[in-house]
Protein backbone atom coordinates (compact mmCIF):
# COMPACT_ATOMS: atom_id res chain seq x y z
CA MET A 1 -60.58 -19.36 3.44
CA ASP A 2 -63.15 -21.93 4.24
CA GLN A 3 -65.54 -21.26 1.31
CA ALA A 4 -64.64 -22.26 -2.28
CA PHE A 5 -64.50 -19.67 -4.90
CA PRO A 6 -67.02 -20.08 -7.91
CA THR A 7 -65.68 -21.18 -11.27
CA LEU A 8 -66.01 -18.51 -13.96
CA SER A 9 -68.50 -19.27 -16.80
CA PRO A 10 -67.33 -19.05 -20.40
CA GLY A 11 -70.04 -16.55 -21.48
CA PRO A 12 -69.71 -12.87 -22.00
CA GLN A 13 -69.83 -12.19 -18.20
CA GLY A 14 -67.08 -14.83 -17.66
CA LEU A 15 -65.11 -13.03 -20.27
CA ALA A 16 -65.52 -9.80 -18.47
CA ALA A 17 -64.48 -11.38 -15.26
CA GLN A 18 -61.44 -12.89 -16.83
CA ASP A 19 -60.41 -9.49 -18.30
CA ALA A 20 -60.91 -7.85 -14.74
CA ILE A 21 -58.58 -10.58 -13.28
CA LEU A 22 -55.96 -10.11 -15.88
CA ARG A 23 -56.05 -6.40 -15.36
CA CYS A 24 -55.54 -6.80 -11.62
CA GLN A 25 -52.76 -9.34 -12.22
CA ALA A 26 -50.93 -6.97 -14.54
CA ALA A 27 -51.26 -4.10 -11.96
CA LEU A 28 -49.81 -6.38 -9.36
CA LEU A 29 -47.05 -7.67 -11.25
CA ALA A 30 -45.93 -4.50 -12.89
CA ARG A 31 -44.81 -3.00 -9.62
CA SER A 32 -41.82 -4.14 -7.61
CA GLY A 33 -42.69 -2.75 -4.10
CA THR A 34 -45.40 -4.00 -1.77
CA MET A 35 -47.03 -0.59 -1.32
CA GLN A 36 -46.89 0.28 -4.97
CA ALA A 37 -48.43 -3.05 -6.07
CA ALA A 38 -51.17 -2.80 -3.45
CA THR A 39 -52.03 0.74 -4.42
CA ALA A 40 -52.17 -0.19 -8.16
CA LEU A 41 -54.56 -3.18 -7.25
CA CYS A 42 -56.73 -0.79 -5.24
CA VAL A 43 -57.07 1.63 -8.16
CA GLU A 44 -58.01 -1.23 -10.55
CA LEU A 45 -60.57 -2.63 -8.11
CA ALA A 46 -62.10 0.85 -7.61
CA GLN A 47 -62.69 1.23 -11.29
CA LEU A 48 -63.99 -2.28 -11.76
CA GLN A 49 -66.36 -2.15 -8.85
CA SER A 50 -67.23 1.56 -9.10
CA CYS A 51 -65.95 2.08 -5.52
CA HIS A 52 -64.92 5.52 -4.07
CA ARG A 53 -62.28 3.81 -1.96
CA VAL A 54 -60.57 0.45 -1.90
CA SER A 55 -57.92 -0.45 0.76
CA VAL A 56 -55.53 -3.36 1.07
CA GLY A 57 -54.22 -4.36 4.54
CA MET A 58 -51.39 -6.77 5.36
CA LEU A 59 -50.64 -8.65 8.65
CA GLU A 60 -47.15 -7.72 9.93
CA ALA A 61 -46.07 -9.54 13.12
CA GLY A 62 -49.77 -10.09 14.15
CA LYS A 63 -50.62 -6.34 13.47
CA LEU A 64 -52.96 -5.38 10.50
CA ARG A 65 -51.55 -2.36 8.62
CA ILE A 66 -52.98 -0.60 5.57
CA VAL A 67 -50.37 -0.74 2.71
CA GLY A 68 -52.41 0.42 -0.18
CA SER A 69 -55.42 2.63 -1.02
CA SER A 70 -57.10 3.94 -4.10
CA GLN A 71 -57.24 7.49 -2.70
CA THR A 72 -54.17 9.73 -3.20
CA VAL A 73 -54.37 10.94 0.44
CA GLU A 74 -52.50 8.60 2.60
CA LEU A 75 -54.57 7.37 5.56
CA ASP A 76 -53.10 7.89 9.06
CA GLU A 77 -53.34 4.80 11.18
CA ARG A 78 -54.67 6.91 14.05
CA HIS A 79 -57.41 8.49 11.91
CA GLU A 80 -61.10 7.43 12.69
CA THR A 81 -61.51 6.19 8.97
CA ALA A 82 -58.43 4.17 9.09
CA VAL A 83 -59.39 2.62 12.40
CA ALA A 84 -62.88 1.68 11.02
CA ILE A 85 -61.29 0.14 7.83
CA VAL A 86 -58.83 -1.99 9.93
CA ALA A 87 -61.77 -3.08 12.08
CA ALA A 88 -63.76 -4.13 8.99
CA MET A 89 -60.73 -6.05 7.72
CA HIS A 90 -60.32 -7.88 11.06
CA GLU A 91 -64.07 -8.80 11.04
CA ALA A 92 -63.53 -10.70 7.71
CA ILE A 93 -60.20 -12.14 8.76
CA ASP A 94 -61.47 -13.50 12.18
CA GLN A 95 -64.35 -15.18 10.45
CA ARG A 96 -62.27 -16.28 7.53
CA LEU A 97 -65.17 -15.30 5.22
CA SER A 98 -66.09 -12.53 2.82
CA VAL A 99 -68.24 -9.97 4.75
CA ALA A 100 -70.45 -7.44 2.91
CA TRP A 101 -72.88 -4.86 4.11
CA PRO A 102 -75.88 -4.69 3.35
CA PRO A 103 -75.88 -8.54 3.25
CA ALA A 104 -76.79 -10.23 0.06
CA VAL A 105 -77.70 -13.55 1.82
CA SER A 106 -80.34 -14.58 4.26
CA ALA A 107 -77.91 -15.74 6.91
CA PRO A 108 -75.10 -13.19 6.86
CA PRO A 109 -71.88 -13.40 8.86
CA ILE A 110 -71.27 -10.92 11.64
CA SER A 111 -70.96 -7.44 10.10
CA LEU A 112 -71.00 -4.96 12.87
CA ALA A 113 -67.70 -3.25 11.78
CA HIS A 114 -68.85 -3.20 8.22
CA ARG A 115 -72.19 -1.62 9.17
CA GLN A 116 -70.34 1.06 11.09
CA LEU A 117 -67.84 1.59 8.25
CA ALA A 118 -70.53 1.76 5.43
CA GLY A 119 -73.08 3.94 7.27
CA ASN A 120 -75.68 4.51 4.48
CA ALA A 121 -73.48 3.12 1.74
CA GLU A 122 -71.99 -0.18 1.08
CA ALA A 123 -68.80 -2.02 2.25
CA CYS A 124 -67.23 -5.38 1.58
CA SER A 125 -64.05 -7.14 2.85
CA VAL A 126 -62.46 -10.20 1.44
CA PRO A 127 -59.57 -12.02 3.19
CA MET A 128 -56.25 -12.78 1.25
CA VAL A 129 -54.73 -16.09 1.83
CA SER A 130 -51.18 -17.42 0.98
CA SER A 131 -49.97 -20.94 1.60
CA GLY A 132 -52.98 -21.66 3.81
CA ALA A 133 -52.57 -18.66 6.13
CA ILE A 134 -54.41 -15.28 5.99
CA VAL A 135 -51.95 -12.63 5.13
CA GLY A 136 -54.43 -9.64 4.80
CA ALA A 137 -57.69 -8.37 3.49
CA ILE A 138 -59.29 -6.15 0.72
CA THR A 139 -61.92 -3.70 1.80
CA LEU A 140 -64.15 -1.99 -0.78
CA GLU A 141 -66.46 1.01 -0.18
CA ARG A 142 -69.05 2.59 -2.52
CA SER A 143 -72.23 4.53 -2.41
CA THR A 144 -74.08 3.41 -5.52
CA GLY A 145 -77.25 2.59 -3.58
CA ALA A 146 -77.04 -1.13 -4.33
CA PHE A 147 -75.52 -3.94 -2.28
CA PHE A 148 -72.62 -6.02 -3.29
CA ARG A 149 -73.97 -8.90 -5.57
CA PRO A 150 -72.64 -12.46 -5.10
CA GLU A 151 -70.92 -12.49 -8.43
CA GLN A 152 -69.15 -9.20 -7.57
CA VAL A 153 -68.05 -10.64 -4.20
CA ALA A 154 -66.90 -13.90 -6.00
CA LEU A 155 -64.81 -11.71 -8.42
CA CYS A 156 -63.10 -9.97 -5.51
CA GLU A 157 -62.47 -13.36 -3.96
CA ASP A 158 -60.82 -14.56 -7.32
CA ILE A 159 -58.68 -11.54 -7.30
CA ALA A 160 -57.70 -11.94 -3.59
CA SER A 161 -56.73 -15.50 -4.28
CA PHE A 162 -53.80 -14.48 -6.27
CA ALA A 163 -53.28 -11.08 -4.78
CA GLY A 164 -52.44 -12.57 -1.36
CA PRO A 165 -49.49 -14.80 -2.48
CA VAL A 166 -48.12 -12.13 -4.84
CA LEU A 167 -48.23 -9.38 -2.17
CA ALA A 168 -46.83 -11.86 0.46
CA LEU A 169 -43.87 -12.66 -1.78
CA LYS A 170 -43.16 -8.92 -2.49
CA ARG A 171 -43.23 -8.14 1.15
CA GLN A 172 -40.85 -10.99 2.11
CA ALA A 173 -38.42 -9.89 -0.60
CA GLU A 174 -38.35 -6.43 0.95
CA LEU A 175 -37.49 -7.80 4.38
CA PRO A 176 -33.92 -7.61 5.73
CA TRP A 177 -32.10 -10.93 6.35
CA HIS A 178 -32.95 -11.08 9.92
CA GLY A 179 -36.57 -10.25 9.12
CA ARG A 180 -36.66 -13.23 6.69
CA ILE A 181 -35.28 -15.54 9.32
CA ALA A 182 -37.85 -14.46 11.77
CA ALA A 183 -40.65 -14.89 9.31
CA SER A 184 -39.39 -18.44 8.55
CA LEU A 185 -39.28 -19.22 12.23
CA ARG A 186 -42.73 -17.92 12.84
CA LYS A 187 -44.02 -20.00 9.91
CA GLY A 188 -42.19 -23.10 10.99
CA PHE A 189 -43.35 -22.85 14.63
CA GLY A 190 -46.83 -21.45 14.11
CA SER A 191 -48.82 -24.14 15.90
CA PRO A 192 -48.75 -24.20 19.80
CA GLY A 193 -47.30 -27.69 19.73
CA LYS A 194 -44.44 -26.82 17.59
CA ARG A 195 -43.87 -23.69 19.68
CA GLN A 196 -43.62 -25.62 22.84
CA ALA A 197 -41.21 -28.07 21.29
CA ALA A 198 -39.15 -25.25 19.93
CA TRP A 199 -38.99 -23.62 23.28
CA ALA A 200 -37.88 -26.90 24.99
CA VAL A 201 -35.25 -27.45 22.48
CA GLY A 202 -34.05 -23.86 22.51
CA ALA A 203 -33.84 -24.20 26.39
CA LEU A 204 -31.77 -27.29 26.15
CA VAL A 205 -29.44 -25.73 23.48
CA ALA A 206 -29.09 -22.67 25.64
CA ALA A 207 -28.35 -24.62 28.73
CA ALA A 208 -25.70 -26.67 26.88
CA VAL A 209 -24.14 -23.51 25.35
CA LEU A 210 -24.04 -21.81 28.80
CA ALA A 211 -22.41 -24.92 30.36
CA MET A 212 -19.61 -25.09 27.94
CA PRO A 213 -16.14 -24.04 29.33
CA GLN A 214 -14.63 -20.93 27.82
CA PRO A 215 -11.28 -19.35 28.37
CA TRP A 216 -11.44 -16.68 31.11
CA ARG A 217 -9.37 -13.58 30.06
CA ILE A 218 -9.26 -10.54 32.26
CA SER A 219 -9.11 -7.23 30.36
CA ALA A 220 -7.39 -4.26 31.81
CA PRO A 221 -5.73 -0.95 30.61
CA ALA A 222 -1.96 -1.23 30.08
CA ARG A 223 1.01 0.92 29.25
CA LEU A 224 4.47 0.20 27.92
CA GLU A 225 7.50 1.43 29.82
CA GLY A 226 11.31 1.04 29.60
CA SER A 227 12.67 -1.73 31.80
CA VAL A 228 15.06 0.82 33.21
CA GLN A 229 14.49 4.54 33.29
CA ARG A 230 17.40 6.77 33.98
CA ALA A 231 17.08 10.47 34.99
CA VAL A 232 19.69 12.91 33.66
CA VAL A 233 20.02 15.67 36.45
CA ALA A 234 21.92 18.85 36.68
CA ALA A 235 25.16 18.32 38.71
CA ALA A 236 25.36 21.96 39.88
CA ASP A 237 23.54 25.29 39.80
CA GLY A 238 23.91 27.15 36.50
CA PHE A 239 22.21 28.01 33.25
CA LEU A 240 21.15 25.83 30.23
CA GLN A 241 23.39 26.67 27.38
CA GLN A 242 22.74 24.06 24.74
CA ALA A 243 20.08 21.21 24.13
CA ASN A 244 21.12 18.67 21.42
CA VAL A 245 18.19 16.17 21.66
CA ARG A 246 14.39 16.18 22.29
CA PRO A 247 11.93 13.52 23.33
CA GLY A 248 11.75 10.68 20.90
CA ASP A 249 15.29 10.93 19.71
CA ARG A 250 17.57 7.79 19.95
CA VAL A 251 20.89 8.31 21.61
CA VAL A 252 23.93 6.32 22.12
CA ALA A 253 26.06 5.94 25.18
CA GLY A 254 28.35 8.94 25.80
CA GLN A 255 26.51 11.19 23.50
CA VAL A 256 26.26 14.78 24.74
CA LEU A 257 22.58 15.56 25.43
CA ALA A 258 22.79 19.07 26.72
CA GLN A 259 25.43 21.58 27.86
CA LEU A 260 25.20 23.86 30.93
CA SER A 261 27.03 27.18 31.08
CA SER A 262 30.81 26.57 32.22
CA GLN A 263 32.27 30.11 32.27
CA ASP A 264 32.38 30.30 36.17
CA LEU A 265 33.91 26.74 36.39
CA GLU A 266 36.50 27.59 33.62
CA LEU A 267 37.67 30.61 35.71
CA GLU A 268 37.60 28.44 38.94
CA ARG A 269 39.94 26.01 37.17
CA GLN A 270 42.19 28.53 35.98
CA ARG A 271 42.47 30.11 39.44
CA ARG A 272 43.33 26.71 40.90
CA GLU A 273 45.93 26.05 38.38
CA SER A 274 47.48 29.48 39.08
CA GLU A 275 47.59 28.74 42.87
CA LEU A 276 49.02 25.24 42.17
CA ARG A 277 51.84 26.80 40.21
CA GLN A 278 52.57 29.36 42.98
CA HIS A 279 52.76 26.71 45.60
CA GLU A 280 55.04 24.54 43.46
CA SER A 281 57.29 27.56 42.92
CA GLY A 282 57.28 28.21 46.64
CA TYR A 283 58.23 24.67 47.33
CA ARG A 284 61.21 24.75 44.96
CA ALA A 285 62.44 28.16 46.49
CA ALA A 286 62.14 26.53 49.98
CA GLN A 287 64.04 23.45 48.84
CA ALA A 288 66.74 25.72 47.36
CA ARG A 289 67.08 27.46 50.75
CA ASN A 290 66.89 24.10 52.58
CA ASP A 291 63.91 25.55 54.50
CA ARG A 292 62.15 22.35 55.51
CA THR A 293 59.37 24.04 57.28
CA GLN A 294 58.44 26.13 54.32
CA MET A 295 58.76 23.01 52.11
CA VAL A 296 56.23 21.22 54.18
CA ILE A 297 53.81 24.24 54.17
CA SER A 298 54.09 24.64 50.40
CA GLN A 299 53.72 20.90 49.67
CA SER A 300 50.45 20.69 51.78
CA ARG A 301 49.03 23.88 50.17
CA ALA A 302 49.82 22.45 46.72
CA ALA A 303 48.07 19.14 47.51
CA GLU A 304 45.00 21.06 48.75
CA THR A 305 44.99 23.18 45.61
CA GLN A 306 45.41 20.06 43.45
CA ALA A 307 42.37 18.48 45.11
CA LEU A 308 40.32 21.64 44.43
CA LEU A 309 41.57 21.70 40.85
CA ALA A 310 40.41 18.10 40.34
CA LEU A 311 36.98 19.07 41.85
CA ALA A 312 36.73 22.04 39.36
CA GLU A 313 37.56 19.69 36.53
CA THR A 314 35.04 17.20 37.54
CA GLN A 315 32.33 19.81 37.81
CA LEU A 316 33.30 21.16 34.45
CA ASP A 317 33.00 17.76 32.95
CA ARG A 318 29.48 17.48 34.48
CA THR A 319 28.35 20.45 32.55
CA ARG A 320 28.10 18.26 29.60
CA LEU A 321 25.11 15.99 30.08
CA GLN A 322 25.89 12.67 28.50
CA ALA A 323 23.74 9.53 27.76
CA PRO A 324 24.59 6.81 30.23
CA PHE A 325 23.47 3.99 27.73
CA ASP A 326 22.06 3.46 24.27
CA GLY A 327 18.32 4.44 24.40
CA ILE A 328 15.59 6.87 23.68
CA VAL A 329 14.68 10.16 25.24
CA ILE A 330 11.11 9.83 26.78
CA LYS A 331 10.92 13.05 28.71
CA GLY A 332 12.50 16.44 28.77
CA ASP A 333 12.20 18.96 25.97
CA LEU A 334 14.89 21.69 26.79
CA SER A 335 14.84 23.40 23.37
CA GLN A 336 12.43 25.99 24.56
CA THR A 337 14.27 26.87 27.82
CA LEU A 338 17.76 27.68 26.60
CA GLY A 339 19.31 30.28 29.04
CA ALA A 340 17.00 29.44 31.83
CA PRO A 341 18.49 28.71 35.30
CA VAL A 342 18.75 25.15 36.65
CA GLN A 343 19.26 23.94 40.06
CA ARG A 344 21.53 21.16 41.37
CA GLY A 345 19.66 17.85 41.35
CA GLU A 346 16.94 19.08 38.92
CA VAL A 347 15.77 16.41 36.48
CA LEU A 348 16.39 17.54 32.97
CA MET A 349 15.76 14.43 30.86
CA VAL A 350 14.65 10.77 31.36
CA LEU A 351 15.98 8.04 29.12
CA ALA A 352 14.81 4.43 28.58
CA PRO A 353 16.56 1.62 26.68
CA ASN A 354 15.79 1.07 23.00
CA ASP A 355 14.96 -2.80 23.20
CA SER A 356 14.05 -3.59 26.81
CA PHE A 357 10.51 -2.77 27.92
CA ARG A 358 8.17 -3.76 30.67
CA LEU A 359 4.40 -3.66 30.73
CA ILE A 360 2.23 -2.29 33.48
CA VAL A 361 -1.22 -3.67 33.55
CA GLU A 362 -3.86 -1.81 35.80
CA VAL A 363 -5.92 -4.83 36.91
CA ASP A 364 -9.19 -3.90 38.67
CA GLU A 365 -9.46 -4.92 42.37
CA THR A 366 -12.39 -7.23 41.58
CA ASP A 367 -10.06 -9.34 39.34
CA ILE A 368 -6.82 -9.21 41.12
CA ALA A 369 -7.46 -12.38 43.07
CA ALA A 370 -7.19 -14.43 39.86
CA ILE A 371 -3.78 -12.98 38.79
CA ARG A 372 -0.60 -14.91 39.35
CA ALA A 373 3.04 -14.50 38.35
CA GLY A 374 3.76 -16.41 35.06
CA GLN A 375 0.40 -16.12 33.40
CA LYS A 376 0.33 -15.49 29.70
CA GLY A 377 -1.48 -12.67 28.02
CA GLN A 378 -1.72 -10.49 25.03
CA LEU A 379 -1.65 -6.60 24.56
CA ALA A 380 -3.40 -4.66 21.82
CA LEU A 381 -1.75 -1.33 21.49
CA ALA A 382 -3.85 1.65 20.30
CA ALA A 383 -1.16 2.46 17.78
CA ARG A 384 -1.05 -1.08 16.35
CA PRO A 385 -4.19 -3.09 17.36
CA ASP A 386 -3.54 -5.51 14.54
CA GLN A 387 -0.31 -6.81 15.98
CA PRO A 388 -0.99 -8.19 19.57
CA LEU A 389 2.03 -8.27 21.76
CA ALA A 390 2.41 -11.58 23.98
CA PHE A 391 3.63 -11.07 27.42
CA THR A 392 4.12 -12.93 30.71
CA THR A 393 3.15 -11.53 34.16
CA ARG A 394 6.15 -11.27 36.61
CA ARG A 395 5.06 -9.30 39.69
CA ILE A 396 2.06 -7.82 41.32
CA VAL A 397 2.49 -4.60 43.25
CA PRO A 398 0.67 -5.30 46.53
CA VAL A 399 -0.40 -1.66 46.88
CA ALA A 400 -3.74 -0.52 45.26
CA THR A 401 -3.94 2.79 43.31
CA SER A 402 -7.01 5.06 43.14
CA ALA A 403 -7.58 6.94 39.91
CA ASP A 404 -10.49 7.87 37.71
CA GLY A 405 -12.98 6.66 40.21
CA ARG A 406 -11.58 3.08 40.63
CA ASN A 407 -9.14 1.01 42.54
CA TYR A 408 -6.68 -1.17 40.71
CA PHE A 409 -3.28 -2.98 41.20
CA GLU A 410 -0.37 -2.63 39.03
CA VAL A 411 0.78 -5.85 37.47
CA GLU A 412 4.27 -5.91 35.84
CA ALA A 413 4.86 -8.05 32.87
CA THR A 414 7.55 -8.55 30.23
CA PRO A 415 7.08 -8.97 26.47
CA ASP A 416 7.78 -12.53 25.30
CA GLN A 417 9.70 -11.29 22.27
CA ALA A 418 11.03 -8.01 20.97
CA GLN A 419 9.18 -6.20 18.31
CA ALA A 420 10.23 -3.27 16.16
CA ASN A 421 8.89 0.30 16.47
CA LEU A 422 7.80 -0.07 20.19
CA ARG A 423 8.11 3.13 22.17
CA PRO A 424 7.71 3.72 25.92
CA GLY A 425 4.41 5.32 26.76
CA LEU A 426 2.33 3.48 24.23
CA SER A 427 -1.01 2.31 25.78
CA GLY A 428 -3.60 -0.19 24.97
CA VAL A 429 -5.68 -3.07 26.40
CA ALA A 430 -4.12 -6.24 27.89
CA LYS A 431 -6.04 -9.58 28.28
CA ILE A 432 -4.49 -12.04 30.85
CA GLU A 433 -5.38 -15.75 30.58
CA VAL A 434 -6.31 -16.90 33.95
CA GLY A 435 -8.10 -20.27 33.23
CA GLU A 436 -11.44 -21.54 32.14
CA ARG A 437 -15.00 -21.03 33.23
CA SER A 438 -18.43 -21.79 32.05
CA LEU A 439 -20.02 -19.25 29.72
CA ALA A 440 -22.81 -18.65 32.23
CA TRP A 441 -20.28 -17.87 34.93
CA LEU A 442 -18.40 -15.41 32.61
CA LEU A 443 -21.67 -13.75 31.60
CA PHE A 444 -23.09 -13.37 35.14
CA HIS A 445 -20.36 -13.46 37.70
CA ARG A 446 -19.94 -9.59 37.86
CA ALA A 447 -23.72 -9.08 38.35
CA ALA A 448 -23.69 -11.84 41.08
CA ALA A 449 -20.78 -10.27 42.83
CA TRP A 450 -22.55 -6.85 42.65
CA LEU A 451 -25.71 -8.32 44.08
CA ARG A 452 -23.83 -10.05 46.95
CA LEU A 453 -22.14 -6.87 47.87
CA SER A 454 -25.42 -4.94 47.72
CA LEU A 455 -27.09 -7.42 49.92
CA TRP A 456 -24.21 -7.29 52.41
CA THR A 457 -24.39 -3.42 52.42
CA VAL A 458 -27.99 -3.45 53.44
CA ALA A 459 -27.26 -6.17 56.04
CA LEU A 460 -29.55 -9.06 54.45
């Protein structure tokens, strides 16, 4: 504040003033929170100055807010009384002087807000200063019929001289870490010259940061598949008799996966074997009679029956569905369809190799132009995001696919090294390294492309 506070005299009145100051100091320091300390100060000042209401306001980001009152009822900021108190505080803060109504001096400061607040009573506001800056104000209201005397105003100024720093420190301690940083910046760049310099330095730093090259990595959904997928199909019409594996089971080459019913084929084989024996017997009988014609007929019929028998045995072998290689079953749960009819060519199971995988990356059409074969990338699987899988792109499928409201191209890639516990069907997010771009380009190139397309659409 501009005016100097009077020095307390050592007489009885000075001792009373010192006692009042000590009581207010004790009330402030005994409370930890800003609102609790401000309320305790208001209660002490109300008793010392015989006021019916004392209020403390603090500046927060340029806005004055009442943080303490001697009355038990909390003041609503939208209430007419609270608005009048805040206006009186602003009147003292703007003039950087203590303002009282009725005035006790011949040339009083501007006191329109205090006159409206006091009405037929008295009102006084004293600014609070901390480190040379005004942090708030104290407003006193009473209806004793006498104006605030200069020594009473001086006592309030003495109390405000230490109440301001104490309340400012308590409020700063309650701020979160980002709030303390913002307060320090506001304090450091409070003057217009410093603010302009800060803006200039900030603009240069931002421009330098935006111009720095950064790795450009294209993100896209991806899924893991077996490098080769083999379908196990029904070789003939029949019925499902037995299922030995389910999806997720590991199998070895030659292992029987399922069994189809073979009664009809067994009967067919027995019938062909019987016919073959009959033709062989007829051939030997014709040979004994030296009947060459019958020998040729029996021999040809025996050869035909032999071929049909071989076909029946082959079909009988195919009723046992065997694994073509070591792998894992990824599709086809037949355990719930035992006894159901199957048709020739129907896919019953799908197998994939154990340790050979390929990666399908669904790259959006807006990014596909930057993708090339041989680029490196990493895949974070949803099942194991903490263990990224390195891969290399191999091939770009030249046909777009539409799904989920977007167009994308499938990019095939292969893992750089084998990892344990991988399963076909796992999905995640892949990032493909395609080069370097400035940070500004990475942040705004999609918005710029959308704007260009929008302008093209409206023919501008």
